[in-house]
Amino acid sequence: MKLKYTFVINEVADQLVAVPVGDDLGEFNGFIKMNDVSADMFELLKEDTDVDAMVEALKVKYTDETEEVIRENVVNFTDKLIEAGVIV
C-alpha cells in the first residue's frame, strides 16, 4: 500500500496536519489531522509498504510499546486511510 496523493505534513495551531499539494490538491479536498505516531506512519506510506514492514519500522522508534499495540495502531490508521481513499 502507498499514498495515492502527494502530501506534506505541517504543524498548524499545535496540530500536525497532512495537506495535499500540486495537482493532488484538487483530487483530495481537505486535510488529515494526526499525532506524532500517525505522522510517522504517514511518512512510511510515501513508499510502497505493508503492515508488517510498518510495524517493524515503528518498533525501532517506539521501543516502549508492544508489537501488538503498534500493529493495532497501524491497522486502525491504514483502515481509515483506505476508507478515505488516501492509500491504494
PDB file of N, CA and C in Angstrom:
ATOM      1  N   MET A   1       0.837  -1.166   0.000  1.00  0.00           N
ATOM      2  CA  MET A   1       0.000   0.000   0.000  1.00  0.00           C
ATOM      3  C   MET A   1       0.887   1.235   0.000  1.00  0.00           C
ATOM      4  N   LYS A   2       0.314   2.303  -0.534  1.00  0.00           N
ATOM      5  CA  LYS A   2       1.077   3.530  -0.707  1.00  0.00           C
ATOM      6  C   LYS A   2       0.098   4.690  -0.790  1.00  0.00           C
ATOM      7  N   LEU A   3       0.548   5.886  -0.404  1.00  0.00           N
ATOM      8  CA  LEU A   3      -0.302   7.065  -0.535  1.00  0.00           C
ATOM      9  C   LEU A   3      -0.687   7.276  -1.989  1.00  0.00           C
ATOM     10  N   LYS A   4      -1.931   7.591  -2.204  1.00  0.00           N
ATOM     11  CA  LYS A   4      -2.461   7.824  -3.537  1.00  0.00           C
ATOM     12  C   LYS A   4      -2.142   9.243  -4.014  1.00  0.00           C
ATOM     13  N   TYR A   5      -1.969  10.158  -3.063  1.00  0.00           N
ATOM     14  CA  TYR A   5      -1.728  11.561  -3.371  1.00  0.00           C
ATOM     15  C   TYR A   5      -0.419  12.018  -2.735  1.00  0.00           C
ATOM     16  N   THR A   6       0.072  13.164  -3.189  1.00  0.00           N
ATOM     17  CA  THR A   6       1.259  13.765  -2.609  1.00  0.00           C
ATOM     18  C   THR A   6       0.835  14.722  -1.504  1.00  0.00           C
ATOM     19  N   PHE A   7       1.344  14.489  -0.309  1.00  0.00           N
ATOM     20  CA  PHE A   7       1.013  15.307   0.855  1.00  0.00           C
ATOM     21  C   PHE A   7       2.280  15.889   1.459  1.00  0.00           C
ATOM     22  N   VAL A   8       2.106  16.982   2.166  1.00  0.00           N
ATOM     23  CA  VAL A   8       3.139  17.490   3.065  1.00  0.00           C
ATOM     24  C   VAL A   8       2.519  17.553   4.453  1.00  0.00           C
ATOM     25  N   ILE A   9       3.349  17.360   5.446  1.00  0.00           N
ATOM     26  CA  ILE A   9       2.886  17.436   6.831  1.00  0.00           C
ATOM     27  C   ILE A   9       3.369  18.756   7.413  1.00  0.00           C
ATOM     28  N   ASN A  10       2.441  19.515   7.945  1.00  0.00           N
ATOM     29  CA  ASN A  10       2.736  20.801   8.565  1.00  0.00           C
ATOM     30  C   ASN A  10       2.138  20.842   9.955  1.00  0.00           C
ATOM     31  N   GLU A  11       2.659  21.741  10.765  1.00  0.00           N
ATOM     32  CA  GLU A  11       2.069  21.980  12.078  1.00  0.00           C
ATOM     33  C   GLU A  11       1.237  23.252  11.985  1.00  0.00           C
ATOM     34  N   VAL A  12      -0.034  23.132  12.322  1.00  0.00           N
ATOM     35  CA  VAL A  12      -0.961  24.252  12.294  1.00  0.00           C
ATOM     36  C   VAL A  12      -1.642  24.327  13.653  1.00  0.00           C
ATOM     37  N   ALA A  13      -1.466  25.440  14.354  1.00  0.00           N
ATOM     38  CA  ALA A  13      -2.072  25.629  15.672  1.00  0.00           C
ATOM     39  C   ALA A  13      -1.780  24.443  16.590  1.00  0.00           C
ATOM     40  N   ASP A  14      -0.512  24.071  16.666  1.00  0.00           N
ATOM     41  CA  ASP A  14      -0.056  22.962  17.517  1.00  0.00           C
ATOM     42  C   ASP A  14      -0.647  21.606  17.140  1.00  0.00           C
ATOM     43  N   GLN A  15      -1.111  21.463  15.917  1.00  0.00           N
ATOM     44  CA  GLN A  15      -1.676  20.200  15.428  1.00  0.00           C
ATOM     45  C   GLN A  15      -0.969  19.829  14.130  1.00  0.00           C
ATOM     46  N   LEU A  16      -0.521  18.578  14.016  1.00  0.00           N
ATOM     47  CA  LEU A  16       0.066  18.104  12.766  1.00  0.00           C
ATOM     48  C   LEU A  16      -1.052  17.794  11.781  1.00  0.00           C
ATOM     49  N   VAL A  17      -0.891  18.280  10.559  1.00  0.00           N
ATOM     50  CA  VAL A  17      -1.864  18.003   9.515  1.00  0.00           C
ATOM     51  C   VAL A  17      -1.134  17.662   8.222  1.00  0.00           C
ATOM     52  N   ALA A  18      -1.717  16.747   7.473  1.00  0.00           N
ATOM     53  CA  ALA A  18      -1.218  16.412   6.141  1.00  0.00           C
ATOM     54  C   ALA A  18      -2.143  17.077   5.137  1.00  0.00           C
ATOM     55  N   VAL A  19      -1.544  17.834   4.228  1.00  0.00           N
ATOM     56  CA  VAL A  19      -2.338  18.523   3.209  1.00  0.00           C
ATOM     57  C   VAL A  19      -1.810  18.125   1.833  1.00  0.00           C
ATOM     58  N   PRO A  20      -2.719  17.932   0.881  1.00  0.00           N
ATOM     59  CA  PRO A  20      -2.284  17.575  -0.466  1.00  0.00           C
ATOM     60  C   PRO A  20      -1.619  18.769  -1.141  1.00  0.00           C
ATOM     61  N   VAL A  21      -0.725  18.491  -2.065  1.00  0.00           N
ATOM     62  CA  VAL A  21      -0.033  19.549  -2.794  1.00  0.00           C
ATOM     63  C   VAL A  21      -0.102  19.297  -4.292  1.00  0.00           C
ATOM     64  N   GLY A  22       0.146  20.351  -5.049  1.00  0.00           N
ATOM     65  CA  GLY A  22       0.183  20.255  -6.504  1.00  0.00           C
ATOM     66  C   GLY A  22      -1.166  19.865  -7.080  1.00  0.00           C
ATOM     67  N   ASP A  23      -1.132  19.044  -8.110  1.00  0.00           N
ATOM     68  CA  ASP A  23      -2.355  18.606  -8.778  1.00  0.00           C
ATOM     69  C   ASP A  23      -3.274  17.825  -7.845  1.00  0.00           C
ATOM     70  N   ASP A  24      -2.695  17.221  -6.823  1.00  0.00           N
ATOM     71  CA  ASP A  24      -3.493  16.413  -5.897  1.00  0.00           C
ATOM     72  C   ASP A  24      -4.391  17.262  -4.997  1.00  0.00           C
ATOM     73  N   LEU A  25      -4.117  18.551  -4.933  1.00  0.00           N
ATOM     74  CA  LEU A  25      -4.959  19.443  -4.136  1.00  0.00           C
ATOM     75  C   LEU A  25      -6.395  19.416  -4.630  1.00  0.00           C
ATOM     76  N   GLY A  26      -6.586  19.304  -5.926  1.00  0.00           N
ATOM     77  CA  GLY A  26      -7.927  19.227  -6.492  1.00  0.00           C
ATOM     78  C   GLY A  26      -8.554  17.854  -6.382  1.00  0.00           C
ATOM     79  N   GLU A  27      -7.715  16.835  -6.236  1.00  0.00           N
ATOM     80  CA  GLU A  27      -8.211  15.464  -6.152  1.00  0.00           C
ATOM     81  C   GLU A  27      -8.672  15.107  -4.739  1.00  0.00           C
ATOM     82  N   PHE A  28      -7.904  15.531  -3.746  1.00  0.00           N
ATOM     83  CA  PHE A  28      -8.261  15.270  -2.352  1.00  0.00           C
ATOM     84  C   PHE A  28      -8.509  16.607  -1.692  1.00  0.00           C
ATOM     85  N   ASN A  29      -9.735  16.890  -1.416  1.00  0.00           N
ATOM     86  CA  ASN A  29     -10.116  18.181  -0.866  1.00  0.00           C
ATOM     87  C   ASN A  29     -10.227  18.085   0.646  1.00  0.00           C
ATOM     88  N   GLY A  30      -9.216  18.557   1.346  1.00  0.00           N
ATOM     89  CA  GLY A  30      -9.241  18.520   2.794  1.00  0.00           C
ATOM     90  C   GLY A  30      -7.857  18.318   3.356  1.00  0.00           C
ATOM     91  N   PHE A  31      -7.812  17.925   4.613  1.00  0.00           N
ATOM     92  CA  PHE A  31      -6.553  17.656   5.280  1.00  0.00           C
ATOM     93  C   PHE A  31      -6.768  16.525   6.282  1.00  0.00           C
ATOM     94  N   ILE A  32      -5.678  15.976   6.769  1.00  0.00           N
ATOM     95  CA  ILE A  32      -5.746  14.865   7.707  1.00  0.00           C
ATOM     96  C   ILE A  32      -5.023  15.282   8.983  1.00  0.00           C
ATOM     97  N   LYS A  33      -5.766  15.322  10.106  1.00  0.00           N
ATOM     98  CA  LYS A  33      -5.160  15.630  11.399  1.00  0.00           C
ATOM     99  C   LYS A  33      -4.495  14.377  11.941  1.00  0.00           C
ATOM    100  N   MET A  34      -3.341  14.574  12.578  1.00  0.00           N
ATOM    101  CA  MET A  34      -2.627  13.422  13.111  1.00  0.00           C
ATOM    102  C   MET A  34      -1.758  13.806  14.294  1.00  0.00           C
ATOM    103  N   ASN A  35      -1.324  12.784  15.016  1.00  0.00           N
ATOM    104  CA  ASN A  35      -0.367  12.978  16.094  1.00  0.00           C
ATOM    105  C   ASN A  35       1.017  12.544  15.589  1.00  0.00           C
ATOM    106  N   ASP A  36       2.002  12.563  16.467  1.00  0.00           N
ATOM    107  CA  ASP A  36       3.367  12.217  16.056  1.00  0.00           C
ATOM    108  C   ASP A  36       3.473  10.791  15.518  1.00  0.00           C
ATOM    109  N   VAL A  37       2.786   9.859  16.146  1.00  0.00           N
ATOM    110  CA  VAL A  37       2.861   8.456  15.721  1.00  0.00           C
ATOM    111  C   VAL A  37       2.223   8.277  14.348  1.00  0.00           C
ATOM    112  N   SER A  38       1.036   8.845  14.159  1.00  0.00           N
ATOM    113  CA  SER A  38       0.393   8.700  12.849  1.00  0.00           C
ATOM    114  C   SER A  38       1.174   9.451  11.775  1.00  0.00           C
ATOM    115  N   ALA A  39       1.857  10.529  12.134  1.00  0.00           N
ATOM    116  CA  ALA A  39       2.707  11.227  11.167  1.00  0.00           C
ATOM    117  C   ALA A  39       3.861  10.323  10.732  1.00  0.00           C
ATOM    118  N   ASP A  40       4.413   9.567  11.682  1.00  0.00           N
ATOM    119  CA  ASP A  40       5.469   8.611  11.323  1.00  0.00           C
ATOM    120  C   ASP A  40       4.925   7.531  10.388  1.00  0.00           C
ATOM    121  N   MET A  41       3.716   7.040  10.673  1.00  0.00           N
ATOM    122  CA  MET A  41       3.103   6.042   9.791  1.00  0.00           C
ATOM    123  C   MET A  41       2.853   6.638   8.408  1.00  0.00           C
ATOM    124  N   PHE A  42       2.373   7.871   8.377  1.00  0.00           N
ATOM    125  CA  PHE A  42       2.085   8.547   7.122  1.00  0.00           C
ATOM    126  C   PHE A  42       3.353   8.662   6.274  1.00  0.00           C
ATOM    127  N   GLU A  43       4.466   8.991   6.922  1.00  0.00           N
ATOM    128  CA  GLU A  43       5.737   9.094   6.201  1.00  0.00           C
ATOM    129  C   GLU A  43       6.129   7.751   5.589  1.00  0.00           C
ATOM    130  N   LEU A  44       5.894   6.663   6.320  1.00  0.00           N
ATOM    131  CA  LEU A  44       6.210   5.333   5.795  1.00  0.00           C
ATOM    132  C   LEU A  44       5.381   5.011   4.564  1.00  0.00           C
ATOM    133  N   LEU A  45       4.175   5.573   4.490  1.00  0.00           N
ATOM    134  CA  LEU A  45       3.276   5.293   3.366  1.00  0.00           C
ATOM    135  C   LEU A  45       3.640   6.071   2.097  1.00  0.00           C
ATOM    136  N   LYS A  46       4.653   6.908   2.163  1.00  0.00           N
ATOM    137  CA  LYS A  46       5.101   7.615   0.951  1.00  0.00           C
ATOM    138  C   LYS A  46       5.771   6.649  -0.020  1.00  0.00           C
ATOM    139  N   GLU A  47       6.235   5.519   0.520  1.00  0.00           N
ATOM    140  CA  GLU A  47       6.804   4.448  -0.299  1.00  0.00           C
ATOM    141  C   GLU A  47       5.884   3.240  -0.181  1.00  0.00           C
ATOM    142  N   ASP A  48       5.916   2.373  -1.178  1.00  0.00           N
ATOM    143  CA  ASP A  48       5.090   1.169  -1.145  1.00  0.00           C
ATOM    144  C   ASP A  48       5.518   0.313   0.044  1.00  0.00           C
ATOM    145  N   THR A  49       4.567  -0.057   0.884  1.00  0.00           N
ATOM    146  CA  THR A  49       4.878  -0.805   2.098  1.00  0.00           C
ATOM    147  C   THR A  49       3.707  -1.699   2.464  1.00  0.00           C
ATOM    148  N   ASP A  50       3.833  -2.418   3.549  1.00  0.00           N
ATOM    149  CA  ASP A  50       2.721  -3.210   4.067  1.00  0.00           C
ATOM    150  C   ASP A  50       2.706  -3.095   5.586  1.00  0.00           C
ATOM    151  N   VAL A  51       1.699  -3.662   6.199  1.00  0.00           N
ATOM    152  CA  VAL A  51       1.529  -3.548   7.647  1.00  0.00           C
ATOM    153  C   VAL A  51       2.744  -4.098   8.382  1.00  0.00           C
ATOM    154  N   ASP A  52       3.237  -5.254   7.976  1.00  0.00           N
ATOM    155  CA  ASP A  52       4.366  -5.865   8.669  1.00  0.00           C
ATOM    156  C   ASP A  52       5.607  -4.972   8.630  1.00  0.00           C
ATOM    157  N   ALA A  53       5.899  -4.395   7.479  1.00  0.00           N
ATOM    158  CA  ALA A  53       7.067  -3.517   7.351  1.00  0.00           C
ATOM    159  C   ALA A  53       6.895  -2.261   8.194  1.00  0.00           C
ATOM    160  N   MET A  54       5.684  -1.727   8.236  1.00  0.00           N
ATOM    161  CA  MET A  54       5.429  -0.545   9.055  1.00  0.00           C
ATOM    162  C   MET A  54       5.610  -0.867  10.532  1.00  0.00           C
ATOM    163  N   VAL A  55       5.103  -2.004  10.961  1.00  0.00           N
ATOM    164  CA  VAL A  55       5.242  -2.412  12.361  1.00  0.00           C
ATOM    165  C   VAL A  55       6.718  -2.531  12.716  1.00  0.00           C
ATOM    166  N   GLU A  56       7.497  -3.173  11.862  1.00  0.00           N
ATOM    167  CA  GLU A  56       8.926  -3.345  12.138  1.00  0.00           C
ATOM    168  C   GLU A  56       9.629  -1.996  12.232  1.00  0.00           C
ATOM    169  N   ALA A  57       9.323  -1.075  11.344  1.00  0.00           N
ATOM    170  CA  ALA A  57       9.945   0.252  11.377  1.00  0.00           C
ATOM    171  C   ALA A  57       9.562   1.010  12.639  1.00  0.00           C
ATOM    172  N   LEU A  58       8.315   0.921  13.039  1.00  0.00           N
ATOM    173  CA  LEU A  58       7.850   1.650  14.218  1.00  0.00           C
ATOM    174  C   LEU A  58       8.358   1.018  15.515  1.00  0.00           C
ATOM    175  N   LYS A  59       8.597  -0.284  15.527  1.00  0.00           N
ATOM    176  CA  LYS A  59       9.145  -0.949  16.715  1.00  0.00           C
ATOM    177  C   LYS A  59      10.518  -0.392  17.061  1.00  0.00           C
ATOM    178  N   VAL A  60      11.278   0.000  16.058  1.00  0.00           N
ATOM    179  CA  VAL A  60      12.608   0.556  16.279  1.00  0.00           C
ATOM    180  C   VAL A  60      12.513   1.911  16.990  1.00  0.00           C
ATOM    181  N   LYS A  61      11.545   2.712  16.599  1.00  0.00           N
ATOM    182  CA  LYS A  61      11.400   4.057  17.167  1.00  0.00           C
ATOM    183  C   LYS A  61      10.648   4.052  18.494  1.00  0.00           C
ATOM    184  N   TYR A  62       9.627   3.224  18.598  1.00  0.00           N
ATOM    185  CA  TYR A  62       8.775   3.201  19.789  1.00  0.00           C
ATOM    186  C   TYR A  62       9.034   1.929  20.599  1.00  0.00           C
ATOM    187  N   THR A  63      10.199   1.882  21.189  1.00  0.00           N
ATOM    188  CA  THR A  63      10.638   0.680  21.891  1.00  0.00           C
ATOM    189  C   THR A  63       9.847   0.406  23.170  1.00  0.00           C
ATOM    190  N   ASP A  64       9.129   1.400  23.667  1.00  0.00           N
ATOM    191  CA  ASP A  64       8.350   1.206  24.891  1.00  0.00           C
ATOM    192  C   ASP A  64       6.973   0.604  24.630  1.00  0.00           C
ATOM    193  N   GLU A  65       6.612   0.443  23.365  1.00  0.00           N
ATOM    194  CA  GLU A  65       5.310  -0.137  23.006  1.00  0.00           C
ATOM    195  C   GLU A  65       5.473  -1.589  22.567  1.00  0.00           C
ATOM    196  N   THR A  66       4.450  -2.383  22.809  1.00  0.00           N
ATOM    197  CA  THR A  66       4.487  -3.774  22.358  1.00  0.00           C
ATOM    198  C   THR A  66       4.172  -3.843  20.870  1.00  0.00           C
ATOM    199  N   GLU A  67       4.606  -4.927  20.276  1.00  0.00           N
ATOM    200  CA  GLU A  67       4.314  -5.137  18.859  1.00  0.00           C
ATOM    201  C   GLU A  67       2.804  -5.181  18.618  1.00  0.00           C
ATOM    202  N   GLU A  68       2.070  -5.762  19.543  1.00  0.00           N
ATOM    203  CA  GLU A  68       0.604  -5.857  19.394  1.00  0.00           C
ATOM    204  C   GLU A  68      -0.043  -4.479  19.336  1.00  0.00           C
ATOM    205  N   VAL A  69       0.383  -3.569  20.210  1.00  0.00           N
ATOM    206  CA  VAL A  69      -0.175  -2.213  20.227  1.00  0.00           C
ATOM    207  C   VAL A  69       0.196  -1.474  18.950  1.00  0.00           C
ATOM    208  N   ILE A  70       1.442  -1.608  18.531  1.00  0.00           N
ATOM    209  CA  ILE A  70       1.882  -0.951  17.298  1.00  0.00           C
ATOM    210  C   ILE A  70       1.085  -1.475  16.112  1.00  0.00           C
ATOM    211  N   ARG A  71       0.928  -2.793  16.019  1.00  0.00           N
ATOM    212  CA  ARG A  71       0.182  -3.396  14.909  1.00  0.00           C
ATOM    213  C   ARG A  71      -1.272  -2.909  14.904  1.00  0.00           C
ATOM    214  N   GLU A  72      -1.879  -2.860  16.071  1.00  0.00           N
ATOM    215  CA  GLU A  72      -3.264  -2.384  16.164  1.00  0.00           C
ATOM    216  C   GLU A  72      -3.373  -0.942  15.677  1.00  0.00           C
ATOM    217  N   ASN A  73      -2.421  -0.107  16.077  1.00  0.00           N
ATOM    218  CA  ASN A  73      -2.429   1.290  15.636  1.00  0.00           C
ATOM    219  C   ASN A  73      -2.231   1.411  14.125  1.00  0.00           C
ATOM    220  N   VAL A  74      -1.314   0.623  13.584  1.00  0.00           N
ATOM    221  CA  VAL A  74      -1.065   0.655  12.131  1.00  0.00           C
ATOM    222  C   VAL A  74      -2.313   0.217  11.376  1.00  0.00           C
ATOM    223  N   VAL A  75      -2.926  -0.872  11.797  1.00  0.00           N
ATOM    224  CA  VAL A  75      -4.115  -1.385  11.118  1.00  0.00           C
ATOM    225  C   VAL A  75      -5.260  -0.377  11.200  1.00  0.00           C
ATOM    226  N   ASN A  76      -5.484   0.198  12.379  1.00  0.00           N
ATOM    227  CA  ASN A  76      -6.560   1.183  12.526  1.00  0.00           C
ATOM    228  C   ASN A  76      -6.320   2.405  11.646  1.00  0.00           C
ATOM    229  N   PHE A  77      -5.087   2.906  11.635  1.00  0.00           N
ATOM    230  CA  PHE A  77      -4.761   4.093  10.849  1.00  0.00           C
ATOM    231  C   PHE A  77      -4.884   3.818   9.353  1.00  0.00           C
ATOM    232  N   THR A  78      -4.324   2.705   8.903  1.00  0.00           N
ATOM    233  CA  THR A  78      -4.379   2.418   7.469  1.00  0.00           C
ATOM    234  C   THR A  78      -5.806   2.103   7.022  1.00  0.00           C
ATOM    235  N   ASP A  79      -6.601   1.470   7.877  1.00  0.00           N
ATOM    236  CA  ASP A  79      -8.005   1.229   7.534  1.00  0.00           C
ATOM    237  C   ASP A  79      -8.741   2.542   7.307  1.00  0.00           C
ATOM    238  N   LYS A  80      -8.481   3.531   8.157  1.00  0.00           N
ATOM    239  CA  LYS A  80      -9.125   4.842   7.993  1.00  0.00           C
ATOM    240  C   LYS A  80      -8.676   5.512   6.703  1.00  0.00           C
ATOM    241  N   LEU A  81      -7.405   5.373   6.371  1.00  0.00           N
ATOM    242  CA  LEU A  81      -6.907   5.978   5.135  1.00  0.00           C
ATOM    243  C   LEU A  81      -7.459   5.268   3.902  1.00  0.00           C
ATOM    244  N   ILE A  82      -7.613   3.964   3.989  1.00  0.00           N
ATOM    245  CA  ILE A  82      -8.213   3.212   2.873  1.00  0.00           C
ATOM    246  C   ILE A  82      -9.664   3.663   2.688  1.00  0.00           C
ATOM    247  N   GLU A  83     -10.388   3.768   3.793  1.00  0.00           N
ATOM    248  CA  GLU A  83     -11.784   4.215   3.751  1.00  0.00           C
ATOM    249  C   GLU A  83     -11.907   5.614   3.142  1.00  0.00           C
ATOM    250  N   ALA A  84     -10.935   6.474   3.426  1.00  0.00           N
ATOM    251  CA  ALA A  84     -10.947   7.845   2.899  1.00  0.00           C
ATOM    252  C   ALA A  84     -10.431   7.911   1.468  1.00  0.00           C
ATOM    253  N   GLY A  85      -9.944   6.789   0.947  1.00  0.00           N
ATOM    254  CA  GLY A  85      -9.441   6.768  -0.429  1.00  0.00           C
ATOM    255  C   GLY A  85      -8.082   7.411  -0.575  1.00  0.00           C
ATOM    256  N   VAL A  86      -7.283   7.414   0.506  1.00  0.00           N
ATOM    257  CA  VAL A  86      -5.995   8.083   0.500  1.00  0.00           C
ATOM    258  C   VAL A  86      -4.850   7.135   0.148  1.00  0.00           C
ATOM    259  N   ILE A  87      -5.018   5.844   0.442  1.00  0.00           N
ATOM    260  CA  ILE A  87      -3.973   4.886   0.069  1.00  0.00           C
ATOM    261  C   ILE A  87      -4.551   3.806  -0.828  1.00  0.00           C
ATOM    262  N   VAL A  88      -3.664   3.251  -1.619  1.00  0.00           N
ATOM    263  CA  VAL A  88      -4.057   2.175  -2.546  1.00  0.00           C
ATOM    264  C   VAL A  88      -3.175   0.970  -2.301  1.00  0.00           C
TER     265      VAL A  88
END
